[in-house]
Protein backbone atom coordinates (compact mmCIF):
# COMPACT_ATOMS: atom_id res chain seq x y z
CA MET A 1 -63.79 -56.12 123.67
CA TYR A 2 -66.12 -58.28 125.72
CA ARG A 3 -65.28 -61.83 126.65
CA HIS A 4 -68.13 -64.08 127.68
CA ASP A 5 -67.94 -67.33 129.56
CA PRO A 6 -69.16 -70.05 127.12
CA THR A 7 -71.27 -71.60 129.88
CA LEU A 8 -73.32 -68.41 130.02
CA LEU A 9 -74.35 -68.30 126.36
CA HIS A 10 -78.00 -67.56 125.69
CA GLY A 11 -79.99 -67.91 122.48
CA SER A 12 -78.53 -69.48 119.35
CA VAL A 13 -75.32 -71.42 119.71
CA PRO A 14 -73.18 -71.94 116.58
CA LEU A 15 -72.81 -75.59 115.63
CA ALA A 16 -69.71 -75.20 113.46
CA ARG A 17 -67.37 -76.29 116.24
CA THR A 18 -66.25 -79.88 115.86
CA GLN A 19 -66.56 -80.68 119.57
CA TRP A 20 -70.31 -79.96 119.33
CA ARG A 21 -70.89 -82.45 116.53
CA PRO A 22 -72.72 -85.67 117.42
CA PRO A 23 -70.85 -88.96 117.37
CA SER A 24 -70.90 -90.69 114.00
CA ALA A 25 -71.71 -94.14 115.40
CA GLU A 26 -74.50 -95.96 113.59
CA SER A 27 -77.21 -96.96 116.02
CA GLU A 28 -80.96 -97.27 116.20
CA ASP A 29 -81.16 -94.16 118.38
CA GLU A 30 -80.71 -91.05 116.31
CA PRO A 31 -77.95 -88.89 117.80
CA SER A 32 -79.38 -85.57 118.89
CA LEU A 33 -77.53 -82.41 119.74
CA PHE A 34 -79.45 -79.27 120.58
CA GLY A 35 -82.58 -81.06 119.36
CA LEU A 36 -81.24 -81.52 115.81
CA ARG A 37 -81.95 -84.72 113.89
CA TRP A 38 -78.59 -85.34 112.26
CA ARG A 39 -79.60 -88.25 110.03
CA LEU A 40 -82.37 -86.15 108.52
CA ILE A 41 -79.99 -83.22 108.03
CA GLU A 42 -77.41 -85.44 106.33
CA ARG A 43 -80.06 -87.05 104.07
CA ILE A 44 -81.32 -83.64 102.98
CA ARG A 45 -77.77 -82.43 102.34
CA ARG A 46 -77.16 -85.47 100.11
CA GLU A 47 -80.42 -84.85 98.21
CA ILE A 48 -79.53 -81.18 97.68
CA ALA A 49 -76.03 -82.11 96.45
CA ALA A 50 -77.54 -84.64 94.04
CA GLY A 51 -80.10 -82.12 92.79
CA MET A 52 -83.04 -84.25 93.97
CA TYR A 53 -84.35 -82.10 96.82
CA ASP A 54 -86.23 -79.37 94.95
CA THR A 55 -89.01 -81.31 93.27
CA ASP A 56 -92.16 -79.89 91.72
CA GLU A 57 -94.27 -81.61 94.38
CA ARG A 58 -92.31 -79.97 97.21
CA TRP A 59 -92.61 -76.55 95.57
CA GLU A 60 -96.36 -76.99 95.13
CA LYS A 61 -96.79 -78.04 98.76
CA ALA A 62 -94.67 -75.11 99.97
CA LEU A 63 -96.64 -72.63 97.85
CA GLU A 64 -99.95 -74.03 99.08
CA GLY A 65 -98.78 -73.62 102.68
CA LEU A 66 -97.65 -70.07 101.97
CA PHE A 67 -100.95 -69.12 100.35
CA GLN A 68 -102.88 -70.66 103.22
CA ALA A 69 -100.82 -68.72 105.77
CA LEU A 70 -101.39 -65.49 103.85
CA GLU A 71 -105.15 -66.08 103.65
CA GLU A 72 -105.33 -66.63 107.43
CA GLN A 73 -103.79 -63.22 108.15
């Protein structure tokens, strides 16, 4: 079994560990950890849980982007 020093990690770093979570203080500056926008992530999680995230407009926009990407290839 290999043991790696956590300060030598390269590539993706799992964010499940509680000590890597951003502080929950409400401020004007959005807390950022590893470049993640936590308020946006939490808002999207709430919308998904409420069933409001997958709208017809979002699907249409996503499909248009997909078709455009496929045409450019």
